[in-house]
């Protein structure tokens, strides 16, 4: 490994492009048998060096040239930044009748949740609903250590526990800890064998009747029931309206972040609205001039971009992102180790996947989309994302289009970040807070963060742009298209994708589509 590292840092930069690719092929094919830990089975594979070795070049040069020369009309700017008009819907989460707790709880419900922040949020909402269905007392849910990011954050590290209990006090009983009689019922207890009080068989989208038939008897026999796994274990269909509205109440009112997350989020929002981007403008007279004009021209407005382009996303999509043969091999190997080849869309070609809108947008492609929608080079753009696959090289085009681009590290000090550093869920919570306070939110591809924010911002009637993935896939395949035609197609294809209320259909998530379950016609 020392020899490889030495070659990487001292000799590799002197190789030609073809020699680099050949070396990468040998590296991918020959080294794993000798160094199996290069690809960890739990997904914490070492960051790929291949995309950095062959820095991806812009793939849409003609569009990029047009975007860099773009002129945005005042009319388009006004339309873009104007708030959503009233749509005839209001927040409506209180049950029709005054809620009341049952006279006696049937026992304690324990929930063990995995996944990232937004999966945990959905699980908490469902856990409250299940406790209500069973007339049980809910123990503050336990968060499993995230296997990918190794995040050990607890419920109390992220969410305000006292606020959670207070908001739900008339709906269900919630306790922070089990009484001493049940102190044996721990996560470690269930990890060491089959236990009569643990339910492992809850199906995905289980009905209320399933819980009554399968969990209630355990409660009646033992006074306690632990459910794991629990993610997506409650249906969105055929539930009483009061249960649906309770889920909404948890999601939109009971779950608020702890004070230090909110304070950091507020600091970021304030600096995005009112502080010049001196870090980026320093040494550049043009940018300094534009920066000082920014506050007047955009009146402190900013857009949040959730740039979901990490290695997992890139590998799971089976698409080509322009990093050459080395990147393709690296992603193929990562995909094989992580999912044993179970990537369903890998049977399609890149062209077929793009025509179907199944390829996540690269930073370059989301930048071109933003430019076509009317965001100019004085737009304050906040990146809400984890590490981008390909690093700075992959972000180069986006930052060229939007020089006033910011993220957590560029806006706050190391001391301010200390409480959340290395904690993926806390970092995501900060980004969630900033996203909820932005003028516009847009995500580069669907996912849990996208879905959660689309629903929450719809509930608050805030502008949220949903990329038309199928349209964009076709547009980016057309190499003869000029900027004017591209922009016209983008604007036309996104007229009704800017936060308009969409009614939830059968089997769709109540957390992504809050109407009509959480909202009423005014």
Protein backbone atom coordinates (compact mmCIF):
# COMPACT_ATOMS: atom_id res chain seq x y z
CA UNK A 1 0.00 0.00 0.00
CA UNK A 2 2.93 2.36 0.68
CA UNK A 3 4.18 1.73 -2.84
CA UNK A 4 0.75 2.49 -4.29
CA UNK A 5 0.40 5.68 -2.25
CA UNK A 6 3.86 6.78 -3.34
CA UNK A 7 3.00 6.20 -6.99
CA UNK A 8 -0.32 8.03 -6.52
CA UNK A 9 1.21 11.21 -5.17
CA UNK A 10 4.59 11.38 -6.91
CA UNK A 11 4.25 9.70 -10.29
CA UNK A 12 0.61 9.65 -11.24
CA UNK A 13 0.31 13.26 -12.30
CA UNK A 14 3.04 12.71 -14.88
CA UNK A 15 1.10 9.97 -16.71
CA UNK A 16 -0.89 10.61 -19.88
CA UNK A 17 -4.67 10.35 -19.85
CA UNK A 18 -4.61 6.89 -21.47
CA UNK A 19 -1.94 5.69 -19.05
CA UNK A 20 -4.04 6.89 -16.12
CA UNK A 21 -7.06 4.98 -17.40
CA UNK A 22 -5.02 1.82 -17.95
CA UNK A 23 -3.54 2.05 -14.45
CA UNK A 24 -7.02 2.52 -12.97
CA UNK A 25 -8.34 -0.58 -14.79
CA UNK A 26 -5.48 -2.67 -13.35
CA UNK A 27 -6.09 -1.16 -9.92
CA UNK A 28 -9.81 -2.06 -9.93
CA UNK A 29 -9.39 -5.57 -11.30
CA UNK A 30 -6.23 -6.78 -9.53
CA UNK A 31 -6.09 -5.10 -6.12
CA UNK A 32 -9.40 -6.17 -4.44
CA UNK A 33 -8.34 -9.83 -3.96
CA UNK A 34 -5.17 -8.69 -2.20
CA UNK A 35 -6.68 -5.71 -0.36
CA UNK A 36 -10.34 -6.66 0.37
CA UNK A 37 -10.81 -3.81 2.83
CA UNK A 38 -10.65 -1.30 -0.02
CA UNK A 39 -14.36 -2.01 -0.46
CA UNK A 40 -16.09 -2.33 2.89
CA UNK A 41 -19.25 -4.52 2.78
CA UNK A 42 -21.29 -2.05 4.80
CA UNK A 43 -20.92 0.69 2.26
CA UNK A 44 -18.12 2.70 3.82
CA UNK A 45 -15.93 2.03 0.83
CA UNK A 46 -12.88 4.21 0.46
CA UNK A 47 -13.71 7.27 -1.67
CA UNK A 48 -13.03 6.52 -5.31
CA UNK A 49 -9.79 8.03 -6.58
CA UNK A 50 -10.72 7.37 -10.19
CA UNK A 51 -12.97 10.37 -10.76
CA UNK A 52 -10.31 12.64 -9.25
CA UNK A 53 -7.61 11.14 -11.49
CA UNK A 54 -9.71 11.80 -14.59
CA UNK A 55 -11.49 15.01 -13.71
CA UNK A 56 -14.81 15.02 -15.63
CA UNK A 57 -15.03 17.67 -18.31
CA UNK A 58 -18.28 19.54 -19.06
CA UNK A 59 -20.56 17.30 -21.12
CA UNK A 60 -22.84 20.03 -22.50
CA UNK A 61 -20.42 22.64 -23.81
CA UNK A 62 -22.84 24.38 -26.18
CA UNK A 63 -25.44 24.81 -23.42
CA UNK A 64 -22.79 25.90 -20.96
CA UNK A 65 -21.57 28.62 -23.31
CA UNK A 66 -25.12 29.89 -23.71
CA UNK A 67 -25.74 29.76 -19.96
CA UNK A 68 -22.61 31.79 -19.21
CA UNK A 69 -23.78 34.50 -21.63
CA UNK A 70 -27.41 34.42 -20.46
CA UNK A 71 -29.41 37.57 -19.92
CA UNK A 72 -32.37 37.25 -17.56
CA UNK A 73 -35.31 39.56 -18.08
CA UNK A 74 -36.82 41.52 -15.22
CA UNK A 75 -40.17 39.84 -15.92
CA UNK A 76 -38.68 36.35 -15.57
CA UNK A 77 -36.83 37.37 -12.39
CA UNK A 78 -39.99 38.76 -10.82
CA UNK A 79 -41.94 35.63 -11.70
CA UNK A 80 -39.19 33.33 -10.45
CA UNK A 81 -38.75 34.95 -7.04
CA UNK A 82 -42.37 35.81 -6.34
CA UNK A 83 -44.00 33.74 -3.56
CA UNK A 84 -46.60 31.14 -4.40
CA UNK A 85 -50.11 32.47 -4.78
CA UNK A 86 -52.74 31.28 -2.34
CA UNK A 87 -54.03 27.91 -3.59
CA UNK A 88 -57.24 27.53 -1.60
CA UNK A 89 -55.83 25.09 0.96
CA UNK A 90 -55.12 25.63 4.66
CA UNK A 91 -53.34 23.61 7.33
CA UNK A 92 -55.83 21.32 8.99
CA UNK A 93 -54.36 18.84 11.44
CA UNK A 94 -56.61 19.09 14.49
CA UNK A 95 -59.07 16.18 14.70
CA UNK A 96 -62.76 17.07 14.31
CA UNK A 97 -63.47 16.27 17.97
CA UNK A 98 -61.52 17.17 21.07
CA UNK A 99 -58.84 14.50 21.52
CA UNK A 100 -58.67 12.54 24.74
CA UNK A 101 -56.29 10.00 26.16
CA UNK A 102 -57.57 6.52 27.03
CA UNK A 103 -58.22 6.00 30.73
CA UNK A 104 -55.51 3.34 30.92
CA UNK A 105 -52.57 2.53 28.68
CA UNK A 106 -52.37 -1.03 27.42
CA UNK A 107 -48.59 -1.09 27.75
CA UNK A 108 -45.37 0.31 26.36
CA UNK A 109 -44.37 0.42 22.69
CA UNK A 110 -40.66 0.52 21.81
CA UNK A 111 -39.55 1.38 18.29
CA UNK A 112 -36.05 0.89 16.85
CA UNK A 113 -35.45 3.09 13.81
CA UNK A 114 -32.74 2.97 11.16
CA UNK A 115 -31.93 5.08 8.13
CA UNK A 116 -31.08 8.75 7.85
CA UNK A 117 -32.81 11.80 9.29
CA UNK A 118 -35.86 11.80 7.04
CA UNK A 119 -36.46 8.05 7.33
CA UNK A 120 -36.27 8.50 11.10
CA UNK A 121 -38.78 11.36 10.96
CA UNK A 122 -41.28 9.24 9.04
CA UNK A 123 -40.72 6.35 11.44
CA UNK A 124 -41.41 8.56 14.46
CA UNK A 125 -44.67 9.78 12.94
CA UNK A 126 -45.74 6.22 12.24
CA UNK A 127 -44.73 5.12 15.74
CA UNK A 128 -47.01 7.74 17.28
CA UNK A 129 -49.85 6.57 15.03
CA UNK A 130 -49.33 2.92 16.05
CA UNK A 131 -49.29 3.90 19.74
CA UNK A 132 -52.59 5.72 19.20
CA UNK A 133 -54.13 2.75 17.37
CA UNK A 134 -53.17 0.41 20.25
CA UNK A 135 -53.88 2.85 23.11
CA UNK A 136 -50.28 2.29 24.21
CA UNK A 137 -47.59 4.46 25.77
CA UNK A 138 -44.77 5.30 23.38
CA UNK A 139 -41.18 5.22 24.57
CA UNK A 140 -39.04 7.85 22.83
CA UNK A 141 -37.82 5.90 19.77
CA UNK A 142 -34.32 4.46 19.68
CA UNK A 143 -32.12 5.33 16.68
CA UNK A 144 -29.87 2.58 15.39
CA UNK A 145 -26.28 3.50 14.54
CA UNK A 146 -26.28 4.36 10.86
CA UNK A 147 -24.20 1.63 9.12
CA UNK A 148 -23.09 3.90 6.28
CA UNK A 149 -22.20 7.10 8.12
CA UNK A 150 -21.60 5.55 11.57
CA UNK A 151 -23.81 8.22 13.12
CA UNK A 152 -24.76 7.43 16.73
CA UNK A 153 -27.03 10.47 17.21
CA UNK A 154 -30.04 9.82 19.43
CA UNK A 155 -33.56 11.24 19.29
CA UNK A 156 -32.63 13.77 21.97
CA UNK A 157 -29.52 14.82 20.03
CA UNK A 158 -31.69 15.93 17.11
CA UNK A 159 -35.22 16.69 18.31
CA UNK A 160 -36.57 18.67 21.25
CA UNK A 161 -37.96 15.87 23.45
CA UNK A 162 -39.92 18.10 25.85
CA UNK A 163 -41.61 19.91 22.96
CA UNK A 164 -42.46 16.55 21.35
CA UNK A 165 -44.12 15.27 24.52
CA UNK A 166 -45.94 18.55 25.18
CA UNK A 167 -47.47 18.83 21.69
CA UNK A 168 -48.76 15.25 21.87
CA UNK A 169 -49.90 15.28 25.51
CA UNK A 170 -53.62 15.20 24.57
CA UNK A 171 -53.11 12.52 21.91
CA UNK A 172 -50.88 9.79 23.38
CA UNK A 173 -48.73 9.14 26.42
CA UNK A 174 -45.00 9.46 25.75
CA UNK A 175 -42.20 8.60 28.18
CA UNK A 176 -38.49 9.30 27.89
CA UNK A 177 -37.49 6.03 29.53
CA UNK A 178 -39.11 2.78 30.59
CA UNK A 179 -39.98 2.35 34.27
CA UNK A 180 -37.62 0.18 36.30
CA UNK A 181 -39.88 -2.87 35.97
CA UNK A 182 -39.08 -2.97 32.25
CA UNK A 183 -35.46 -1.83 32.39
CA UNK A 184 -34.41 -5.19 30.95
CA UNK A 185 -36.04 -4.32 27.60
CA UNK A 186 -33.02 -2.82 25.84
CA UNK A 187 -31.69 -2.95 22.29
CA UNK A 188 -28.90 -5.24 23.50
CA UNK A 189 -31.47 -7.60 25.03
CA UNK A 190 -33.18 -8.07 21.66
CA UNK A 191 -29.91 -8.47 19.81
CA UNK A 192 -28.90 -11.61 21.72
CA UNK A 193 -31.72 -13.99 20.81
CA UNK A 194 -35.38 -14.55 19.99
CA UNK A 195 -37.57 -12.66 22.43
CA UNK A 196 -41.30 -13.04 22.94
CA UNK A 197 -41.73 -9.29 23.32
CA UNK A 198 -40.05 -8.38 20.04
CA UNK A 199 -42.09 -8.21 16.80
CA UNK A 200 -39.92 -8.76 13.74
CA UNK A 201 -42.66 -9.68 11.27
CA UNK A 202 -44.40 -6.35 10.68
CA UNK A 203 -44.92 -6.19 6.90
CA UNK A 204 -44.23 -3.08 4.87
CA UNK A 205 -47.39 -0.93 4.78
CA UNK A 206 -49.05 -2.96 7.55
CA UNK A 207 -52.68 -2.09 8.30
CA UNK A 208 -54.13 -0.93 11.60
CA UNK A 209 -55.82 -4.33 11.91
CA UNK A 210 -52.45 -6.08 11.61
CA UNK A 211 -51.17 -4.20 14.67
CA UNK A 212 -54.35 -4.95 16.61
CA UNK A 213 -54.15 -8.65 15.74
CA UNK A 214 -50.38 -9.14 16.17
CA UNK A 215 -49.03 -6.54 18.58
CA UNK A 216 -51.91 -6.00 20.96
CA UNK A 217 -51.79 -9.61 22.29
CA UNK A 218 -48.09 -9.11 23.14
CA UNK A 219 -48.93 -5.92 25.01
CA UNK A 220 -51.70 -7.65 26.92
CA UNK A 221 -49.44 -10.56 27.86
CA UNK A 222 -46.23 -8.74 28.75
CA UNK A 223 -47.13 -5.05 29.13
CA UNK A 224 -44.50 -4.17 26.53
CA UNK A 225 -43.78 -4.77 22.85
CA UNK A 226 -40.70 -3.85 20.82
CA UNK A 227 -41.00 -3.48 17.03
CA UNK A 228 -37.92 -3.78 14.82
CA UNK A 229 -37.53 -3.33 11.95
CA UNK A 230 -40.08 -0.54 11.74
CA UNK A 231 -39.29 1.59 8.68
CA UNK A 232 -42.36 1.97 6.39
CA UNK A 233 -44.37 -0.37 8.62
CA UNK A 234 -47.69 1.50 8.53
CA UNK A 235 -49.98 1.86 5.54
CA UNK A 236 -50.99 5.18 4.01
CA UNK A 237 -54.42 3.84 3.03
CA UNK A 238 -57.69 3.09 4.81
CA UNK A 239 -56.78 4.67 8.13
CA UNK A 240 -59.21 6.84 10.15
CA UNK A 241 -58.84 10.54 9.41
CA UNK A 242 -57.83 11.26 13.02
CA UNK A 243 -54.87 8.88 12.70
CA UNK A 244 -53.77 10.51 9.45
CA UNK A 245 -53.99 13.97 10.94
CA UNK A 246 -52.07 12.82 14.00
CA UNK A 247 -49.20 11.72 11.73
CA UNK A 248 -49.26 15.18 10.17
CA UNK A 249 -49.29 16.84 13.57
CA UNK A 250 -46.18 14.91 14.58
CA UNK A 251 -44.39 15.68 11.32
CA UNK A 252 -45.19 19.36 11.08
CA UNK A 253 -45.56 20.44 14.72
CA UNK A 254 -44.18 17.96 17.26
CA UNK A 255 -40.80 17.34 15.62
CA UNK A 256 -38.66 20.44 16.03
CA UNK A 257 -34.90 20.50 16.21
CA UNK A 258 -32.92 21.04 19.40
CA UNK A 259 -31.93 24.67 20.11
CA UNK A 260 -28.31 24.48 18.94
CA UNK A 261 -29.36 23.12 15.52
CA UNK A 262 -31.96 25.86 15.17
CA UNK A 263 -29.45 28.51 16.21
CA UNK A 264 -26.91 27.33 13.64
CA UNK A 265 -29.65 27.19 11.01
CA UNK A 266 -30.75 30.73 11.88
CA UNK A 267 -27.17 31.97 11.59
CA UNK A 268 -26.86 30.41 8.12
CA UNK A 269 -30.16 31.90 6.96
CA UNK A 270 -29.21 35.34 8.28
CA UNK A 271 -25.84 35.27 6.52
CA UNK A 272 -27.40 34.07 3.28
CA UNK A 273 -29.87 36.94 3.35
CA UNK A 274 -27.76 39.79 4.67
CA UNK A 275 -24.02 39.02 4.61
CA UNK A 276 -21.85 39.63 1.50
CA UNK A 277 -19.98 36.58 0.24
CA UNK A 278 -16.56 38.09 0.94
CA UNK A 279 -14.86 34.68 0.89
CA UNK A 280 -15.81 34.16 -2.74
CA UNK A 281 -15.53 37.76 -3.84
CA UNK A 282 -12.16 38.49 -2.26
CA UNK A 283 -9.53 39.33 -4.86
CA UNK A 284 -12.09 39.63 -7.65
CA UNK A 285 -13.17 43.22 -8.31
CA UNK A 286 -16.07 42.17 -10.51
CA UNK A 287 -17.48 39.81 -7.91
CA UNK A 288 -16.95 42.34 -5.14
CA UNK A 289 -18.98 44.86 -7.10
CA UNK A 290 -21.68 42.30 -7.86
CA UNK A 291 -21.69 41.11 -4.26
CA UNK A 292 -22.32 44.56 -2.86
CA UNK A 293 -25.16 45.02 -5.35
CA UNK A 294 -26.66 41.65 -4.45
CA UNK A 295 -28.62 42.79 -1.43
CA UNK A 296 -30.51 45.42 -3.41
CA UNK A 297 -31.01 43.40 -6.57
CA UNK A 298 -32.26 40.21 -4.93
CA UNK A 299 -33.34 41.79 -1.60
CA UNK A 300 -31.61 39.05 0.33
CA UNK A 301 -33.32 36.12 -1.36
CA UNK A 302 -31.63 32.76 -1.73
CA UNK A 303 -32.30 29.32 -3.18
CA UNK A 304 -31.37 26.00 -1.61
CA UNK A 305 -30.13 23.23 -3.87
CA UNK A 306 -30.12 19.73 -2.43
CA UNK A 307 -27.34 18.29 -4.54
CA UNK A 308 -27.82 14.56 -4.01
CA UNK A 309 -24.84 13.31 -5.96
CA UNK A 310 -22.87 11.06 -3.63
CA UNK A 311 -21.15 7.81 -4.53
CA UNK A 312 -24.07 5.62 -3.43
CA UNK A 313 -26.46 7.54 -5.67
CA UNK A 314 -24.11 7.43 -8.65
CA UNK A 315 -23.47 3.69 -8.28
CA UNK A 316 -27.09 2.75 -7.70
CA UNK A 317 -28.31 4.62 -10.77
CA UNK A 318 -26.11 2.66 -13.23
CA UNK A 319 -25.86 5.80 -15.38
CA UNK A 320 -22.79 7.25 -17.10
CA UNK A 321 -21.59 10.54 -15.60
CA UNK A 322 -18.69 11.34 -17.91
CA UNK A 323 -15.81 10.19 -15.73
CA UNK A 324 -14.50 7.75 -18.35
CA UNK A 325 -13.68 4.05 -18.18
CA UNK A 326 -12.01 4.30 -14.78
CA UNK A 327 -15.09 5.83 -13.17
CA UNK A 328 -17.38 3.24 -14.79
CA UNK A 329 -15.22 0.42 -13.44
CA UNK A 330 -15.01 1.96 -9.99
CA UNK A 331 -18.79 2.41 -9.78
CA UNK A 332 -19.41 -1.09 -11.15
CA UNK A 333 -17.14 -2.60 -8.50
CA UNK A 334 -18.71 -0.51 -5.74
CA UNK A 335 -22.18 -1.55 -6.97
CA UNK A 336 -21.24 -5.22 -7.03
CA UNK A 337 -19.83 -5.21 -3.49
CA UNK A 338 -22.58 -3.08 -1.99
CA UNK A 339 -25.66 -4.63 -3.60
CA UNK A 340 -24.27 -7.86 -5.12
CA UNK A 341 -25.35 -6.64 -8.54
CA UNK A 342 -28.97 -6.04 -7.49
CA UNK A 343 -29.35 -2.75 -9.33
CA UNK A 344 -32.48 -3.16 -11.38
CA UNK A 345 -31.85 -0.41 -13.91
CA UNK A 346 -28.42 -1.80 -14.81
CA UNK A 347 -30.13 -3.83 -17.53
CA UNK A 348 -30.83 -0.61 -19.46
CA UNK A 349 -28.39 1.47 -21.49
CA UNK A 350 -27.47 4.97 -20.43
CA UNK A 351 -29.62 6.43 -23.23
CA UNK A 352 -32.62 4.36 -22.13
CA UNK A 353 -32.19 5.41 -18.51
CA UNK A 354 -31.96 9.09 -19.44
CA UNK A 355 -35.03 8.87 -21.67
CA UNK A 356 -36.89 7.41 -18.69
CA UNK A 357 -35.68 10.20 -16.41
CA UNK A 358 -33.88 7.75 -14.12
CA UNK A 359 -30.45 9.35 -14.01
CA UNK A 360 -29.68 11.80 -11.18
CA UNK A 361 -28.65 15.21 -12.42
CA UNK A 362 -24.96 15.98 -12.20
CA UNK A 363 -23.86 19.34 -10.71
CA UNK A 364 -23.32 20.57 -14.28
CA UNK A 365 -26.84 19.54 -15.34
CA UNK A 366 -28.59 21.01 -12.32
CA UNK A 367 -26.60 24.22 -12.89
CA UNK A 368 -27.83 24.44 -16.49
CA UNK A 369 -31.39 23.82 -15.28
CA UNK A 370 -31.15 26.61 -12.71
CA UNK A 371 -29.75 28.98 -15.33
CA UNK A 372 -32.54 28.12 -17.77
CA UNK A 373 -35.16 28.73 -15.08
CA UNK A 374 -33.87 32.29 -14.71
CA UNK A 375 -31.40 32.22 -11.83
CA UNK A 376 -28.58 34.61 -12.73
CA UNK A 377 -24.93 34.75 -11.69
CA UNK A 378 -25.79 36.98 -8.71
CA UNK A 379 -28.08 34.34 -7.22
CA UNK A 380 -27.16 33.30 -3.71
CA UNK A 381 -27.14 29.49 -3.93
CA UNK A 382 -26.84 27.30 -0.82
CA UNK A 383 -25.72 23.69 -1.27
CA UNK A 384 -27.50 21.28 1.07
CA UNK A 385 -25.70 18.03 0.50
CA UNK A 386 -23.17 15.55 1.73
CA UNK A 387 -19.84 14.99 0.01
CA UNK A 388 -20.23 15.25 -3.77
CA UNK A 389 -18.89 12.33 -5.77
CA UNK A 390 -15.95 13.64 -7.78
CA UNK A 391 -15.21 16.48 -5.37
CA UNK A 392 -14.35 19.98 -6.52
CA UNK A 393 -13.74 18.85 -10.08
CA UNK A 394 -17.37 17.78 -10.38
CA UNK A 395 -18.57 21.06 -8.88
CA UNK A 396 -16.45 23.31 -11.11
CA UNK A 397 -19.11 24.00 -13.74
CA UNK A 398 -21.81 24.70 -11.16
CA UNK A 399 -19.61 27.16 -9.30
CA UNK A 400 -18.71 28.86 -12.59
CA UNK A 401 -22.40 29.39 -13.33
CA UNK A 402 -23.16 30.48 -9.74
CA UNK A 403 -20.09 32.15 -8.20
CA UNK A 404 -22.05 33.16 -5.09
CA UNK A 405 -22.46 29.50 -4.11
CA UNK A 406 -22.31 28.69 -0.40
CA UNK A 407 -22.45 25.76 2.00
CA UNK A 408 -22.09 25.24 5.73
CA UNK A 409 -18.30 25.45 5.71
CA UNK A 410 -18.18 28.71 3.78
CA UNK A 411 -20.71 30.48 6.00
CA UNK A 412 -19.83 29.47 9.56
CA UNK A 413 -16.70 29.06 11.60
CA UNK A 414 -15.12 25.80 12.71
CA UNK A 415 -16.23 26.56 16.27
CA UNK A 416 -19.86 26.96 15.17
CA UNK A 417 -19.74 23.67 13.29
CA UNK A 418 -18.11 21.77 16.16
CA UNK A 419 -21.37 20.51 17.70
CA UNK A 420 -22.54 18.88 14.46
CA UNK A 421 -19.25 17.93 12.84
CA UNK A 422 -19.05 14.28 11.84
CA UNK A 423 -22.75 13.70 12.62
CA UNK A 424 -24.60 13.06 9.37
CA UNK A 425 -28.08 13.38 10.91
CA UNK A 426 -27.26 16.66 12.66
CA UNK A 427 -25.72 18.09 9.50
CA UNK A 428 -28.83 17.01 7.58
CA UNK A 429 -31.01 18.67 10.23
CA UNK A 430 -29.17 21.97 9.76
CA UNK A 431 -29.66 21.72 5.99
CA UNK A 432 -33.33 20.86 6.51
CA UNK A 433 -33.80 23.98 8.65
CA UNK A 434 -32.12 26.22 6.07
CA UNK A 435 -34.15 24.58 3.28
CA UNK A 436 -37.41 25.29 5.09
CA UNK A 437 -36.46 28.97 5.42
CA UNK A 438 -35.32 29.50 1.83
CA UNK A 439 -37.27 31.41 -0.81
CA UNK A 440 -37.00 28.49 -3.22
CA UNK A 441 -35.96 24.86 -2.79
CA UNK A 442 -34.90 22.49 -5.54
CA UNK A 443 -33.46 18.98 -5.43
CA UNK A 444 -31.23 17.43 -8.06
CA UNK A 445 -32.98 14.06 -7.79
CA UNK A 446 -35.79 12.40 -5.83
CA UNK A 447 -34.99 10.88 -2.45
CA UNK A 448 -35.99 11.00 1.22
CA UNK A 449 -34.78 14.59 1.77
CA UNK A 450 -36.48 15.74 -1.44
CA UNK A 451 -39.76 14.01 -0.53
CA UNK A 452 -39.80 15.34 3.03
CA UNK A 453 -39.17 18.93 1.97
CA UNK A 454 -41.60 18.81 -0.94
CA UNK A 455 -44.32 17.78 1.51
CA UNK A 456 -43.37 20.19 4.28
CA UNK A 457 -43.06 23.16 1.95
CA UNK A 458 -46.38 22.29 0.27
CA UNK A 459 -47.95 22.31 3.73
CA UNK A 460 -46.47 25.80 4.28
CA UNK A 461 -47.31 26.96 0.71
CA UNK A 462 -43.67 27.63 -0.14
CA UNK A 463 -42.14 27.56 -3.61
CA UNK A 464 -40.44 24.26 -4.44
CA UNK A 465 -39.22 23.43 -7.93
CA UNK A 466 -39.46 19.76 -8.90
CA UNK A 467 -37.15 18.95 -11.83
CA UNK A 468 -38.90 17.23 -14.73
CA UNK A 469 -36.46 14.33 -14.89
CA UNK A 470 -37.89 12.68 -18.01
CA UNK A 471 -37.88 15.95 -19.95
CA UNK A 472 -34.37 16.86 -18.83
CA UNK A 473 -33.03 13.42 -19.69
CA UNK A 474 -34.22 13.85 -23.28
CA UNK A 475 -32.97 17.44 -23.52
CA UNK A 476 -29.46 16.55 -22.36
CA UNK A 477 -29.29 13.73 -24.90
CA UNK A 478 -29.93 16.22 -27.71
CA UNK A 479 -26.41 17.47 -28.51
CA UNK A 480 -27.60 19.77 -31.30
CA UNK A 481 -29.89 21.88 -29.11
CA UNK A 482 -28.93 25.52 -28.57
CA UNK A 483 -29.39 27.55 -25.42
CA UNK A 484 -32.51 29.43 -26.51
CA UNK A 485 -34.37 26.24 -27.45
CA UNK A 486 -33.20 24.51 -24.28
CA UNK A 487 -34.35 27.36 -22.05
CA UNK A 488 -37.74 27.55 -23.75
CA UNK A 489 -38.27 23.81 -23.26
CA UNK A 490 -37.19 24.00 -19.61
CA UNK A 491 -39.47 26.93 -18.79
CA UNK A 492 -42.41 25.32 -20.56
CA UNK A 493 -41.82 21.98 -18.83
CA UNK A 494 -41.66 23.46 -15.32
CA UNK A 495 -44.66 25.83 -15.33
CA UNK A 496 -46.67 23.59 -13.01
CA UNK A 497 -43.79 22.15 -10.99
CA UNK A 498 -43.13 25.02 -8.58
CA UNK A 499 -45.05 24.06 -5.47
CA UNK A 500 -48.58 23.58 -6.75
CA UNK A 501 -50.66 21.41 -4.42
CA UNK A 502 -50.95 17.82 -5.63
CA UNK A 503 -53.53 15.57 -3.97
CA UNK A 504 -52.22 12.33 -2.55
CA UNK A 505 -53.06 9.25 -4.57
CA UNK A 506 -53.51 5.72 -3.24
CA UNK A 507 -50.32 4.28 -1.70
CA UNK A 508 -48.50 7.61 -1.95
CA UNK A 509 -46.81 9.00 1.17
CA UNK A 510 -48.72 11.39 3.37
CA UNK A 511 -45.39 13.04 4.18
CA UNK A 512 -44.79 13.98 0.52
CA UNK A 513 -48.41 14.77 -0.35
CA UNK A 514 -50.05 16.36 2.72
CA UNK A 515 -53.31 17.21 0.92
CA UNK A 516 -56.04 16.27 1.56
CA UNK A 517 -55.17 14.36 4.77
CA UNK A 518 -53.35 17.22 6.53
CA UNK A 519 -55.02 20.13 4.73
CA UNK A 520 -58.54 21.41 4.14
CA UNK A 521 -60.17 23.50 1.47
CA UNK A 522 -60.46 27.04 2.78
